Amino acid sequence: MQAVLEDLEDIGATLVALTPQLPDHNQAMIAKNALNFHLLSDPGNAYAAELGLRFEVPADLKAIYAEFGIDLPKFNGDESWTLPVPARLVIDEEGIVRATDVDVDYTRRPEADKTIEDLRALG
């Protein structure tokens, strides 16, 4: 999304990402990737759960994460082994969700260009 941030801002949109990571890990990610948008922390994926967008990491995927040294409990600050479903929400100035792009297959991520199209359609 960083790559299309300027396009989003030209449209008048604000980009915010929600992550279960602890704020310290968010700051490290912002610095490492030179991100120019806000990463908000969602402890335990509580808000993602309210939206129906949280899933528990299956045992086989936990093993793969371990092989790559990914320690979700450390990064997220809880033992839930949950992640948010990849999703993009386009929310208007009144707080109304106008478009969504959600795929329960975590290997398929919503395309940034689709978000821009959804925003332009609101114009």
PDB file of N, CA and C in Angstrom:
ATOM      1  N   MET A   1       0.814  -1.188   0.000  1.00  0.00           N
ATOM      2  CA  MET A   1       0.000   0.000   0.000  1.00  0.00           C
ATOM      3  C   MET A   1       0.861   1.256   0.000  1.00  0.00           C
ATOM      4  N   GLN A   2       2.056   1.134   0.544  1.00  0.00           N
ATOM      5  CA  GLN A   2       2.952   2.300   0.542  1.00  0.00           C
ATOM      6  C   GLN A   2       3.162   2.803  -0.888  1.00  0.00           C
ATOM      7  N   ALA A   3       3.214   1.889  -1.842  1.00  0.00           N
ATOM      8  CA  ALA A   3       3.467   2.266  -3.240  1.00  0.00           C
ATOM      9  C   ALA A   3       2.357   3.129  -3.825  1.00  0.00           C
ATOM     10  N   VAL A   4       1.138   3.001  -3.315  1.00  0.00           N
ATOM     11  CA  VAL A   4       0.024   3.784  -3.853  1.00  0.00           C
ATOM     12  C   VAL A   4      -0.443   4.864  -2.887  1.00  0.00           C
ATOM     13  N   LEU A   5       0.335   5.106  -1.840  1.00  0.00           N
ATOM     14  CA  LEU A   5      -0.066   6.077  -0.828  1.00  0.00           C
ATOM     15  C   LEU A   5      -0.310   7.459  -1.425  1.00  0.00           C
ATOM     16  N   GLU A   6       0.559   7.888  -2.321  1.00  0.00           N
ATOM     17  CA  GLU A   6       0.391   9.207  -2.941  1.00  0.00           C
ATOM     18  C   GLU A   6      -0.919   9.273  -3.734  1.00  0.00           C
ATOM     19  N   ASP A   7      -1.243   8.211  -4.462  1.00  0.00           N
ATOM     20  CA  ASP A   7      -2.513   8.166  -5.196  1.00  0.00           C
ATOM     21  C   ASP A   7      -3.697   8.259  -4.239  1.00  0.00           C
ATOM     22  N   LEU A   8      -3.608   7.557  -3.128  1.00  0.00           N
ATOM     23  CA  LEU A   8      -4.677   7.592  -2.133  1.00  0.00           C
ATOM     24  C   LEU A   8      -4.854   9.004  -1.580  1.00  0.00           C
ATOM     25  N   GLU A   9      -3.738   9.635  -1.257  1.00  0.00           N
ATOM     26  CA  GLU A   9      -3.797  10.990  -0.717  1.00  0.00           C
ATOM     27  C   GLU A   9      -4.326  11.981  -1.749  1.00  0.00           C
ATOM     28  N   ASP A  10      -3.974  11.794  -3.028  1.00  0.00           N
ATOM     29  CA  ASP A  10      -4.489  12.664  -4.092  1.00  0.00           C
ATOM     30  C   ASP A  10      -6.018  12.578  -4.187  1.00  0.00           C
ATOM     31  N   ILE A  11      -6.555  11.419  -3.893  1.00  0.00           N
ATOM     32  CA  ILE A  11      -8.004  11.212  -3.920  1.00  0.00           C
ATOM     33  C   ILE A  11      -8.653  11.829  -2.672  1.00  0.00           C
ATOM     34  N   GLY A  12      -7.828  12.069  -1.640  1.00  0.00           N
ATOM     35  CA  GLY A  12      -8.351  12.602  -0.384  1.00  0.00           C
ATOM     36  C   GLY A  12      -8.556  11.540   0.673  1.00  0.00           C
ATOM     37  N   ALA A  13      -7.975  10.373   0.455  1.00  0.00           N
ATOM     38  CA  ALA A  13      -8.136   9.254   1.389  1.00  0.00           C
ATOM     39  C   ALA A  13      -6.993   9.226   2.398  1.00  0.00           C
ATOM     40  N   THR A  14      -7.265   8.597   3.509  1.00  0.00           N
ATOM     41  CA  THR A  14      -6.266   8.363   4.542  1.00  0.00           C
ATOM     42  C   THR A  14      -6.088   6.856   4.671  1.00  0.00           C
ATOM     43  N   LEU A  15      -4.852   6.407   4.687  1.00  0.00           N
ATOM     44  CA  LEU A  15      -4.550   4.984   4.822  1.00  0.00           C
ATOM     45  C   LEU A  15      -4.166   4.680   6.265  1.00  0.00           C
ATOM     46  N   VAL A  16      -4.836   3.693   6.829  1.00  0.00           N
ATOM     47  CA  VAL A  16      -4.537   3.208   8.168  1.00  0.00           C
ATOM     48  C   VAL A  16      -4.548   1.688   8.098  1.00  0.00           C
ATOM     49  N   ALA A  17      -3.556   1.058   8.698  1.00  0.00           N
ATOM     50  CA  ALA A  17      -3.509  -0.404   8.732  1.00  0.00           C
ATOM     51  C   ALA A  17      -3.690  -0.870  10.170  1.00  0.00           C
ATOM     52  N   LEU A  18      -4.375  -1.978  10.320  1.00  0.00           N
ATOM     53  CA  LEU A  18      -4.639  -2.563  11.625  1.00  0.00           C
ATOM     54  C   LEU A  18      -3.875  -3.873  11.719  1.00  0.00           C
ATOM     55  N   THR A  19      -3.146  -4.060  12.813  1.00  0.00           N
ATOM     56  CA  THR A  19      -2.321  -5.244  12.982  1.00  0.00           C
ATOM     57  C   THR A  19      -2.374  -5.711  14.434  1.00  0.00           C
ATOM     58  N   PRO A  20      -2.260  -7.011  14.665  1.00  0.00           N
ATOM     59  CA  PRO A  20      -2.232  -7.493  16.043  1.00  0.00           C
ATOM     60  C   PRO A  20      -0.869  -7.306  16.714  1.00  0.00           C
ATOM     61  N   GLN A  21       0.112  -6.832  15.978  1.00  0.00           N
ATOM     62  CA  GLN A  21       1.446  -6.668  16.550  1.00  0.00           C
ATOM     63  C   GLN A  21       1.450  -5.620  17.654  1.00  0.00           C
ATOM     64  N   LEU A  22       2.340  -5.810  18.617  1.00  0.00           N
ATOM     65  CA  LEU A  22       2.536  -4.822  19.666  1.00  0.00           C
ATOM     66  C   LEU A  22       3.080  -3.532  19.060  1.00  0.00           C
ATOM     67  N   PRO A  23       2.778  -2.385  19.670  1.00  0.00           N
ATOM     68  CA  PRO A  23       3.236  -1.102  19.118  1.00  0.00           C
ATOM     69  C   PRO A  23       4.742  -1.026  18.855  1.00  0.00           C
ATOM     70  N   ASP A  24       5.567  -1.614  19.728  1.00  0.00           N
ATOM     71  CA  ASP A  24       7.020  -1.584  19.496  1.00  0.00           C
ATOM     72  C   ASP A  24       7.394  -2.281  18.198  1.00  0.00           C
ATOM     73  N   HIS A  25       6.731  -3.388  17.900  1.00  0.00           N
ATOM     74  CA  HIS A  25       7.010  -4.118  16.663  1.00  0.00           C
ATOM     75  C   HIS A  25       6.474  -3.336  15.460  1.00  0.00           C
ATOM     76  N   ASN A  26       5.366  -2.638  15.651  1.00  0.00           N
ATOM     77  CA  ASN A  26       4.850  -1.779  14.577  1.00  0.00           C
ATOM     78  C   ASN A  26       5.867  -0.697  14.236  1.00  0.00           C
ATOM     79  N   GLN A  27       6.428  -0.070  15.256  1.00  0.00           N
ATOM     80  CA  GLN A  27       7.402   1.001  15.017  1.00  0.00           C
ATOM     81  C   GLN A  27       8.623   0.466  14.268  1.00  0.00           C
ATOM     82  N   ALA A  28       9.056  -0.737  14.622  1.00  0.00           N
ATOM     83  CA  ALA A  28      10.192  -1.338  13.922  1.00  0.00           C
ATOM     84  C   ALA A  28       9.842  -1.591  12.459  1.00  0.00           C
ATOM     85  N   MET A  29       8.609  -2.052  12.197  1.00  0.00           N
ATOM     86  CA  MET A  29       8.184  -2.302  10.819  1.00  0.00           C
ATOM     87  C   MET A  29       8.090  -0.997  10.032  1.00  0.00           C
ATOM     88  N   ILE A  30       7.583   0.050  10.671  1.00  0.00           N
ATOM     89  CA  ILE A  30       7.487   1.362  10.024  1.00  0.00           C
ATOM     90  C   ILE A  30       8.875   1.842   9.628  1.00  0.00           C
ATOM     91  N   ALA A  31       9.823   1.741  10.545  1.00  0.00           N
ATOM     92  CA  ALA A  31      11.191   2.189  10.268  1.00  0.00           C
ATOM     93  C   ALA A  31      11.849   1.331   9.191  1.00  0.00           C
ATOM     94  N   LYS A  32      11.731   0.019   9.309  1.00  0.00           N
ATOM     95  CA  LYS A  32      12.381  -0.890   8.366  1.00  0.00           C
ATOM     96  C   LYS A  32      11.874  -0.701   6.939  1.00  0.00           C
ATOM     97  N   ASN A  33      10.564  -0.476   6.790  1.00  0.00           N
ATOM     98  CA  ASN A  33       9.956  -0.388   5.464  1.00  0.00           C
ATOM     99  C   ASN A  33       9.648   1.042   5.024  1.00  0.00           C
ATOM    100  N   ALA A  34      10.091   2.015   5.809  1.00  0.00           N
ATOM    101  CA  ALA A  34       9.861   3.436   5.504  1.00  0.00           C
ATOM    102  C   ALA A  34       8.387   3.714   5.194  1.00  0.00           C
ATOM    103  N   LEU A  35       7.519   3.228   6.073  1.00  0.00           N
ATOM    104  CA  LEU A  35       6.083   3.406   5.878  1.00  0.00           C
ATOM    105  C   LEU A  35       5.667   4.817   6.285  1.00  0.00           C
ATOM    106  N   ASN A  36       4.784   5.399   5.504  1.00  0.00           N
ATOM    107  CA  ASN A  36       4.307   6.752   5.775  1.00  0.00           C
ATOM    108  C   ASN A  36       2.826   6.771   6.098  1.00  0.00           C
ATOM    109  N   PHE A  37       2.344   5.686   6.693  1.00  0.00           N
ATOM    110  CA  PHE A  37       0.959   5.634   7.144  1.00  0.00           C
ATOM    111  C   PHE A  37       0.933   4.989   8.522  1.00  0.00           C
ATOM    112  N   HIS A  38      -0.196   5.131   9.196  1.00  0.00           N
ATOM    113  CA  HIS A  38      -0.308   4.644  10.564  1.00  0.00           C
ATOM    114  C   HIS A  38      -0.586   3.145  10.610  1.00  0.00           C
ATOM    115  N   LEU A  39       0.113   2.477  11.528  1.00  0.00           N
ATOM    116  CA  LEU A  39      -0.183   1.084  11.866  1.00  0.00           C
ATOM    117  C   LEU A  39      -0.800   1.111  13.258  1.00  0.00           C
ATOM    118  N   LEU A  40      -2.053   0.714  13.355  1.00  0.00           N
ATOM    119  CA  LEU A  40      -2.738   0.678  14.641  1.00  0.00           C
ATOM    120  C   LEU A  40      -2.692  -0.734  15.198  1.00  0.00           C
ATOM    121  N   SER A  41      -2.479  -0.841  16.498  1.00  0.00           N
ATOM    122  CA  SER A  41      -2.385  -2.138  17.139  1.00  0.00           C
ATOM    123  C   SER A  41      -3.766  -2.609  17.581  1.00  0.00           C
ATOM    124  N   ASP A  42      -4.081  -3.858  17.255  1.00  0.00           N
ATOM    125  CA  ASP A  42      -5.341  -4.505  17.629  1.00  0.00           C
ATOM    126  C   ASP A  42      -5.003  -5.701  18.516  1.00  0.00           C
ATOM    127  N   PRO A  43      -4.793  -5.460  19.825  1.00  0.00           N
ATOM    128  CA  PRO A  43      -4.375  -6.549  20.724  1.00  0.00           C
ATOM    129  C   PRO A  43      -5.327  -7.743  20.673  1.00  0.00           C
ATOM    130  N   GLY A  44      -4.736  -8.925  20.469  1.00  0.00           N
ATOM    131  CA  GLY A  44      -5.515 -10.152  20.421  1.00  0.00           C
ATOM    132  C   GLY A  44      -6.454 -10.236  19.228  1.00  0.00           C
ATOM    133  N   ASN A  45      -6.266  -9.331  18.271  1.00  0.00           N
ATOM    134  CA  ASN A  45      -7.154  -9.285  17.099  1.00  0.00           C
ATOM    135  C   ASN A  45      -8.615  -9.092  17.512  1.00  0.00           C
ATOM    136  N   ALA A  46      -8.818  -8.339  18.604  1.00  0.00           N
ATOM    137  CA  ALA A  46     -10.168  -8.160  19.149  1.00  0.00           C
ATOM    138  C   ALA A  46     -11.096  -7.469  18.147  1.00  0.00           C
ATOM    139  N   TYR A  47     -10.626  -6.388  17.521  1.00  0.00           N
ATOM    140  CA  TYR A  47     -11.486  -5.690  16.564  1.00  0.00           C
ATOM    141  C   TYR A  47     -11.693  -6.538  15.308  1.00  0.00           C
ATOM    142  N   ALA A  48     -10.633  -7.198  14.861  1.00  0.00           N
ATOM    143  CA  ALA A  48     -10.763  -8.095  13.711  1.00  0.00           C
ATOM    144  C   ALA A  48     -11.824  -9.163  14.008  1.00  0.00           C
ATOM    145  N   ALA A  49     -11.862  -9.657  15.239  1.00  0.00           N
ATOM    146  CA  ALA A  49     -12.861 -10.663  15.619  1.00  0.00           C
ATOM    147  C   ALA A  49     -14.271 -10.073  15.552  1.00  0.00           C
ATOM    148  N   GLU A  50     -14.422  -8.822  16.019  1.00  0.00           N
ATOM    149  CA  GLU A  50     -15.735  -8.166  15.943  1.00  0.00           C
ATOM    150  C   GLU A  50     -16.229  -8.070  14.504  1.00  0.00           C
ATOM    151  N   LEU A  51     -15.289  -7.882  13.583  1.00  0.00           N
ATOM    152  CA  LEU A  51     -15.629  -7.775  12.164  1.00  0.00           C
ATOM    153  C   LEU A  51     -15.765  -9.142  11.489  1.00  0.00           C
ATOM    154  N   GLY A  52     -15.487 -10.205  12.231  1.00  0.00           N
ATOM    155  CA  GLY A  52     -15.524 -11.547  11.653  1.00  0.00           C
ATOM    156  C   GLY A  52     -14.311 -11.819  10.776  1.00  0.00           C
ATOM    157  N   LEU A  53     -13.210 -11.133  11.064  1.00  0.00           N
ATOM    158  CA  LEU A  53     -12.012 -11.224  10.224  1.00  0.00           C
ATOM    159  C   LEU A  53     -10.794 -11.759  10.982  1.00  0.00           C
ATOM    160  N   ARG A  54     -11.021 -12.653  11.932  1.00  0.00           N
ATOM    161  CA  ARG A  54      -9.915 -13.252  12.674  1.00  0.00           C
ATOM    162  C   ARG A  54      -9.959 -14.763  12.474  1.00  0.00           C
ATOM    163  N   PHE A  55      -8.763 -15.359  12.323  1.00  0.00           N
ATOM    164  CA  PHE A  55      -8.698 -16.818  12.231  1.00  0.00           C
ATOM    165  C   PHE A  55      -7.552 -17.328  13.089  1.00  0.00           C
ATOM    166  N   GLU A  56      -7.696 -18.567  13.540  1.00  0.00           N
ATOM    167  CA  GLU A  56      -6.640 -19.196  14.320  1.00  0.00           C
ATOM    168  C   GLU A  56      -5.668 -19.870  13.366  1.00  0.00           C
ATOM    169  N   VAL A  57      -4.402 -19.661  13.593  1.00  0.00           N
ATOM    170  CA  VAL A  57      -3.366 -20.247  12.756  1.00  0.00           C
ATOM    171  C   VAL A  57      -3.383 -21.759  12.960  1.00  0.00           C
ATOM    172  N   PRO A  58      -3.543 -22.537  11.865  1.00  0.00           N
ATOM    173  CA  PRO A  58      -3.567 -24.000  12.000  1.00  0.00           C
ATOM    174  C   PRO A  58      -2.190 -24.553  12.389  1.00  0.00           C
ATOM    175  N   ALA A  59      -2.198 -25.730  12.970  1.00  0.00           N
ATOM    176  CA  ALA A  59      -0.976 -26.354  13.483  1.00  0.00           C
ATOM    177  C   ALA A  59       0.115 -26.475  12.421  1.00  0.00           C
ATOM    178  N   ASP A  60      -0.255 -26.855  11.191  1.00  0.00           N
ATOM    179  CA  ASP A  60       0.763 -27.010  10.155  1.00  0.00           C
ATOM    180  C   ASP A  60       1.421 -25.678   9.813  1.00  0.00           C
ATOM    181  N   LEU A  61       0.660 -24.598   9.868  1.00  0.00           N
ATOM    182  CA  LEU A  61       1.220 -23.279   9.590  1.00  0.00           C
ATOM    183  C   LEU A  61       2.071 -22.787  10.758  1.00  0.00           C
ATOM    184  N   LYS A  62       1.683 -23.147  11.983  1.00  0.00           N
ATOM    185  CA  LYS A  62       2.505 -22.805  13.154  1.00  0.00           C
ATOM    186  C   LYS A  62       3.899 -23.406  12.986  1.00  0.00           C
ATOM    187  N   ALA A  63       3.952 -24.649  12.505  1.00  0.00           N
ATOM    188  CA  ALA A  63       5.244 -25.322  12.305  1.00  0.00           C
ATOM    189  C   ALA A  63       6.082 -24.596  11.264  1.00  0.00           C
ATOM    190  N   ILE A  64       5.441 -24.150  10.203  1.00  0.00           N
ATOM    191  CA  ILE A  64       6.166 -23.403   9.165  1.00  0.00           C
ATOM    192  C   ILE A  64       6.675 -22.081   9.729  1.00  0.00           C
ATOM    193  N   TYR A  65       5.826 -21.393  10.481  1.00  0.00           N
ATOM    194  CA  TYR A  65       6.253 -20.136  11.110  1.00  0.00           C
ATOM    195  C   TYR A  65       7.479 -20.384  11.985  1.00  0.00           C
ATOM    196  N   ALA A  66       7.436 -21.468  12.760  1.00  0.00           N
ATOM    197  CA  ALA A  66       8.558 -21.789  13.642  1.00  0.00           C
ATOM    198  C   ALA A  66       9.841 -22.013  12.851  1.00  0.00           C
ATOM    199  N   GLU A  67       9.732 -22.690  11.702  1.00  0.00           N
ATOM    200  CA  GLU A  67      10.910 -22.930  10.857  1.00  0.00           C
ATOM    201  C   GLU A  67      11.537 -21.621  10.382  1.00  0.00           C
ATOM    202  N   PHE A  68      10.704 -20.595  10.183  1.00  0.00           N
ATOM    203  CA  PHE A  68      11.206 -19.299   9.727  1.00  0.00           C
ATOM    204  C   PHE A  68      11.502 -18.352  10.899  1.00  0.00           C
ATOM    205  N   GLY A  69      11.372 -18.840  12.113  1.00  0.00           N
ATOM    206  CA  GLY A  69      11.659 -18.019  13.279  1.00  0.00           C
ATOM    207  C   GLY A  69      10.595 -16.973  13.579  1.00  0.00           C
ATOM    208  N   ILE A  70       9.385 -17.194  13.073  1.00  0.00           N
ATOM    209  CA  ILE A  70       8.293 -16.254  13.326  1.00  0.00           C
ATOM    210  C   ILE A  70       7.600 -16.666  14.619  1.00  0.00           C
ATOM    211  N   ASP A  71       7.664 -15.783  15.610  1.00  0.00           N
ATOM    212  CA  ASP A  71       7.114 -16.058  16.932  1.00  0.00           C
ATOM    213  C   ASP A  71       5.916 -15.136  17.160  1.00  0.00           C
ATOM    214  N   LEU A  72       4.725 -15.558  16.700  1.00  0.00           N
ATOM    215  CA  LEU A  72       3.532 -14.720  16.828  1.00  0.00           C
ATOM    216  C   LEU A  72       3.250 -14.299  18.264  1.00  0.00           C
ATOM    217  N   PRO A  73       3.318 -15.208  19.244  1.00  0.00           N
ATOM    218  CA  PRO A  73       3.062 -14.754  20.614  1.00  0.00           C
ATOM    219  C   PRO A  73       3.990 -13.602  21.036  1.00  0.00           C
ATOM    220  N   LYS A  74       5.231 -13.646  20.620  1.00  0.00           N
ATOM    221  CA  LYS A  74       6.177 -12.563  20.966  1.00  0.00           C
ATOM    222  C   LYS A  74       5.774 -11.258  20.268  1.00  0.00           C
ATOM    223  N   PHE A  75       5.497 -11.321  18.979  1.00  0.00           N
ATOM    224  CA  PHE A  75       5.181 -10.111  18.223  1.00  0.00           C
ATOM    225  C   PHE A  75       3.812  -9.541  18.583  1.00  0.00           C
ATOM    226  N   ASN A  76       2.859 -10.426  18.900  1.00  0.00           N
ATOM    227  CA  ASN A  76       1.496  -9.976  19.157  1.00  0.00           C
ATOM    228  C   ASN A  76       1.180  -9.808  20.641  1.00  0.00           C
ATOM    229  N   GLY A  77       2.048 -10.321  21.497  1.00  0.00           N
ATOM    230  CA  GLY A  77       1.857 -10.121  22.927  1.00  0.00           C
ATOM    231  C   GLY A  77       0.760 -10.973  23.542  1.00  0.00           C
ATOM    232  N   ASP A  78       0.367 -12.051  22.889  1.00  0.00           N
ATOM    233  CA  ASP A  78      -0.605 -12.973  23.466  1.00  0.00           C
ATOM    234  C   ASP A  78      -0.388 -14.364  22.889  1.00  0.00           C
ATOM    235  N   GLU A  79      -1.022 -15.327  23.482  1.00  0.00           N
ATOM    236  CA  GLU A  79      -0.840 -16.725  23.078  1.00  0.00           C
ATOM    237  C   GLU A  79      -1.958 -17.233  22.173  1.00  0.00           C
ATOM    238  N   SER A  80      -2.741 -16.346  21.583  1.00  0.00           N
ATOM    239  CA  SER A  80      -3.927 -16.776  20.828  1.00  0.00           C
ATOM    240  C   SER A  80      -3.605 -17.441  19.489  1.00  0.00           C
ATOM    241  N   TRP A  81      -2.439 -17.166  18.934  1.00  0.00           N
ATOM    242  CA  TRP A  81      -2.096 -17.679  17.605  1.00  0.00           C
ATOM    243  C   TRP A  81      -3.210 -17.368  16.601  1.00  0.00           C
ATOM    244  N   THR A  82      -3.674 -16.123  16.648  1.00  0.00           N
ATOM    245  CA  THR A  82      -4.670 -15.673  15.683  1.00  0.00           C
ATOM    246  C   THR A  82      -4.080 -14.575  14.814  1.00  0.00           C
ATOM    247  N   LEU A  83      -4.629 -14.476  13.619  1.00  0.00           N
ATOM    248  CA  LEU A  83      -4.247 -13.430  12.677  1.00  0.00           C
ATOM    249  C   LEU A  83      -5.521 -12.862  12.051  1.00  0.00           C
ATOM    250  N   PRO A  84      -5.436 -11.641  11.546  1.00  0.00           N
ATOM    251  CA  PRO A  84      -6.588 -11.105  10.823  1.00  0.00           C
ATOM    252  C   PRO A  84      -6.624 -11.654   9.401  1.00  0.00           C
ATOM    253  N   VAL A  85      -7.822 -11.826   8.886  1.00  0.00           N
ATOM    254  CA  VAL A  85      -7.998 -12.173   7.477  1.00  0.00           C
ATOM    255  C   VAL A  85      -7.579 -10.948   6.669  1.00  0.00           C
ATOM    256  N   PRO A  86      -6.758 -11.117   5.618  1.00  0.00           N
ATOM    257  CA  PRO A  86      -6.390  -9.965   4.797  1.00  0.00           C
ATOM    258  C   PRO A  86      -7.638  -9.289   4.231  1.00  0.00           C
ATOM    259  N   ALA A  87      -7.758  -8.004   4.496  1.00  0.00           N
ATOM    260  CA  ALA A  87      -8.950  -7.273   4.061  1.00  0.00           C
ATOM    261  C   ALA A  87      -8.624  -5.805   3.877  1.00  0.00           C
ATOM    262  N   ARG A  88      -9.379  -5.177   3.003  1.00  0.00           N
ATOM    263  CA  ARG A  88      -9.340  -3.723   2.856  1.00  0.00           C
ATOM    264  C   ARG A  88     -10.766  -3.221   2.944  1.00  0.00           C
ATOM    265  N   LEU A  89     -10.939  -2.165   3.717  1.00  0.00           N
ATOM    266  CA  LEU A  89     -12.243  -1.547   3.852  1.00  0.00           C
ATOM    267  C   LEU A  89     -12.130  -0.107   3.386  1.00  0.00           C
ATOM    268  N   VAL A  90     -13.060   0.322   2.571  1.00  0.00           N
ATOM    269  CA  VAL A  90     -13.146   1.721   2.164  1.00  0.00           C
ATOM    270  C   VAL A  90     -14.290   2.308   2.981  1.00  0.00           C
ATOM    271  N   ILE A  91     -13.941   3.265   3.835  1.00  0.00           N
ATOM    272  CA  ILE A  91     -14.902   3.862   4.752  1.00  0.00           C
ATOM    273  C   ILE A  91     -15.013   5.344   4.422  1.00  0.00           C
ATOM    274  N   ASP A  92     -16.243   5.826   4.271  1.00  0.00           N
ATOM    275  CA  ASP A  92     -16.416   7.229   3.903  1.00  0.00           C
ATOM    276  C   ASP A  92     -16.271   8.138   5.126  1.00  0.00           C
ATOM    277  N   GLU A  93     -16.394   9.433   4.900  1.00  0.00           N
ATOM    278  CA  GLU A  93     -16.193  10.422   5.960  1.00  0.00           C
ATOM    279  C   GLU A  93     -17.211  10.295   7.084  1.00  0.00           C
ATOM    280  N   GLU A  94     -18.337   9.647   6.825  1.00  0.00           N
ATOM    281  CA  GLU A  94     -19.366   9.465   7.845  1.00  0.00           C
ATOM    282  C   GLU A  94     -19.190   8.151   8.604  1.00  0.00           C
ATOM    283  N   GLY A  95     -18.134   7.396   8.269  1.00  0.00           N
ATOM    284  CA  GLY A  95     -17.872   6.129   8.940  1.00  0.00           C
ATOM    285  C   GLY A  95     -18.633   4.954   8.364  1.00  0.00           C
ATOM    286  N   ILE A  96     -19.181   5.114   7.172  1.00  0.00           N
ATOM    287  CA  ILE A  96     -19.939   4.046   6.526  1.00  0.00           C
ATOM    288  C   ILE A  96     -19.007   3.261   5.615  1.00  0.00           C
ATOM    289  N   VAL A  97     -19.023   1.940   5.765  1.00  0.00           N
ATOM    290  CA  VAL A  97     -18.207   1.082   4.906  1.00  0.00           C
ATOM    291  C   VAL A  97     -18.847   1.073   3.520  1.00  0.00           C
ATOM    292  N   ARG A  98     -18.097   1.524   2.525  1.00  0.00           N
ATOM    293  CA  ARG A  98     -18.607   1.624   1.158  1.00  0.00           C
ATOM    294  C   ARG A  98     -18.105   0.514   0.244  1.00  0.00           C
ATOM    295  N   ALA A  99     -17.000  -0.104   0.597  1.00  0.00           N
ATOM    296  CA  ALA A  99     -16.460  -1.192  -0.227  1.00  0.00           C
ATOM    297  C   ALA A  99     -15.571  -2.065   0.652  1.00  0.00           C
ATOM    298  N   THR A 100     -15.553  -3.344   0.329  1.00  0.00           N
ATOM    299  CA  THR A 100     -14.676  -4.266   1.039  1.00  0.00           C
ATOM    300  C   THR A 100     -13.969  -5.155   0.018  1.00  0.00           C
ATOM    301  N   ASP A 101     -12.828  -5.610   0.420  1.00  0.00           N
ATOM    302  CA  ASP A 101     -12.063  -6.557  -0.388  1.00  0.00           C
ATOM    303  C   ASP A 101     -11.461  -7.546   0.599  1.00  0.00           C
ATOM    304  N   VAL A 102     -12.066  -8.725   0.716  1.00  0.00           N
ATOM    305  CA  VAL A 102     -11.698  -9.707   1.733  1.00  0.00           C
ATOM    306  C   VAL A 102     -11.524 -11.065   1.065  1.00  0.00           C
ATOM    307  N   ASP A 103     -10.486 -11.780   1.484  1.00  0.00           N
ATOM    308  CA  ASP A 103     -10.289 -13.142   0.998  1.00  0.00           C
ATOM    309  C   ASP A 103      -9.792 -13.980   2.164  1.00  0.00           C
ATOM    310  N   VAL A 104     -10.540 -15.009   2.525  1.00  0.00           N
ATOM    311  CA  VAL A 104     -10.149 -15.845   3.661  1.00  0.00           C
ATOM    312  C   VAL A 104      -8.878 -16.647   3.390  1.00  0.00           C
ATOM    313  N   ASP A 105      -8.466 -16.732   2.141  1.00  0.00           N
ATOM    314  CA  ASP A 105      -7.190 -17.375   1.814  1.00  0.00           C
ATOM    315  C   ASP A 105      -6.082 -16.343   2.044  1.00  0.00           C
ATOM    316  N   TYR A 106      -5.373 -16.492   3.156  1.00  0.00           N
ATOM    317  CA  TYR A 106      -4.366 -15.500   3.544  1.00  0.00           C
ATOM    318  C   TYR A 106      -3.229 -15.363   2.530  1.00  0.00           C
ATOM    319  N   THR A 107      -3.116 -16.294   1.584  1.00  0.00           N
ATOM    320  CA  THR A 107      -2.060 -16.189   0.578  1.00  0.00           C
ATOM    321  C   THR A 107      -2.445 -15.244  -0.557  1.00  0.00           C
ATOM    322  N   ARG A 108      -3.724 -14.874  -0.628  1.00  0.00           N
ATOM    323  CA  ARG A 108      -4.190 -13.935  -1.655  1.00  0.00           C
ATOM    324  C   ARG A 108      -4.521 -12.618  -0.975  1.00  0.00           C
ATOM    325  N   ARG A 109      -3.821 -11.587  -1.367  1.00  0.00           N
ATOM    326  CA  ARG A 109      -4.004 -10.278  -0.751  1.00  0.00           C
ATOM    327  C   ARG A 109      -4.807  -9.378  -1.689  1.00  0.00           C
ATOM    328  N   PRO A 110      -5.663  -8.538  -1.108  1.00  0.00           N
ATOM    329  CA  PRO A 110      -6.401  -7.584  -1.945  1.00  0.00           C
ATOM    330  C   PRO A 110      -5.436  -6.665  -2.691  1.00  0.00           C
ATOM    331  N   GLU A 111      -5.771  -6.329  -3.903  1.00  0.00           N
ATOM    332  CA  GLU A 111      -4.927  -5.481  -4.737  1.00  0.00           C
ATOM    333  C   GLU A 111      -5.153  -4.002  -4.428  1.00  0.00           C
ATOM    334  N   ALA A 112      -4.081  -3.265  -4.335  1.00  0.00           N
ATOM    335  CA  ALA A 112      -4.163  -1.836  -4.033  1.00  0.00           C
ATOM    336  C   ALA A 112      -4.937  -1.075  -5.109  1.00  0.00           C
ATOM    337  N   ASP A 113      -4.770  -1.471  -6.367  1.00  0.00           N
ATOM    338  CA  ASP A 113      -5.473  -0.783  -7.459  1.00  0.00           C
ATOM    339  C   ASP A 113      -6.985  -0.881  -7.302  1.00  0.00           C
ATOM    340  N   LYS A 114      -7.466  -1.995  -6.769  1.00  0.00           N
ATOM    341  CA  LYS A 114      -8.906  -2.158  -6.541  1.00  0.00           C
ATOM    342  C   LYS A 114      -9.397  -1.151  -5.504  1.00  0.00           C
ATOM    343  N   THR A 115      -8.601  -0.906  -4.490  1.00  0.00           N
ATOM    344  CA  THR A 115      -8.956   0.069  -3.466  1.00  0.00           C
ATOM    345  C   THR A 115      -9.062   1.464  -4.077  1.00  0.00           C
ATOM    346  N   ILE A 116      -8.134   1.800  -4.945  1.00  0.00           N
ATOM    347  CA  ILE A 116      -8.171   3.106  -5.604  1.00  0.00           C
ATOM    348  C   ILE A 116      -9.414   3.220  -6.481  1.00  0.00           C
ATOM    349  N   GLU A 117      -9.740   2.163  -7.207  1.00  0.00           N
ATOM    350  CA  GLU A 117     -10.962   2.165  -8.029  1.00  0.00           C
ATOM    351  C   GLU A 117     -12.200   2.375  -7.158  1.00  0.00           C
ATOM    352  N   ASP A 118     -12.256   1.685  -6.013  1.00  0.00           N
ATOM    353  CA  ASP A 118     -13.399   1.833  -5.106  1.00  0.00           C
ATOM    354  C   ASP A 118     -13.503   3.265  -4.596  1.00  0.00           C
ATOM    355  N   LEU A 119     -12.383   3.857  -4.273  1.00  0.00           N
ATOM    356  CA  LEU A 119     -12.394   5.243  -3.799  1.00  0.00           C
ATOM    357  C   LEU A 119     -12.847   6.211  -4.882  1.00  0.00           C
ATOM    358  N   ARG A 120     -12.354   6.013  -6.087  1.00  0.00           N
ATOM    359  CA  ARG A 120     -12.754   6.899  -7.198  1.00  0.00           C
ATOM    360  C   ARG A 120     -14.246   6.763  -7.497  1.00  0.00           C
ATOM    361  N   ALA A 121     -14.798   5.573  -7.299  1.00  0.00           N
ATOM    362  CA  ALA A 121     -16.219   5.357  -7.545  1.00  0.00           C
ATOM    363  C   ALA A 121     -17.084   6.139  -6.559  1.00  0.00           C
ATOM    364  N   LEU A 122     -16.535   6.487  -5.405  1.00  0.00           N
ATOM    365  CA  LEU A 122     -17.272   7.257  -4.418  1.00  0.00           C
ATOM    366  C   LEU A 122     -17.406   8.729  -4.821  1.00  0.00           C
ATOM    367  N   GLY A 123     -16.427   9.200  -5.648  1.00  0.00           N
ATOM    368  CA  GLY A 123     -16.343  10.600  -6.053  1.00  0.00           C
ATOM    369  C   GLY A 123     -17.568  11.124  -6.632  1.00  0.00           C
TER     370      GLY A 123
END
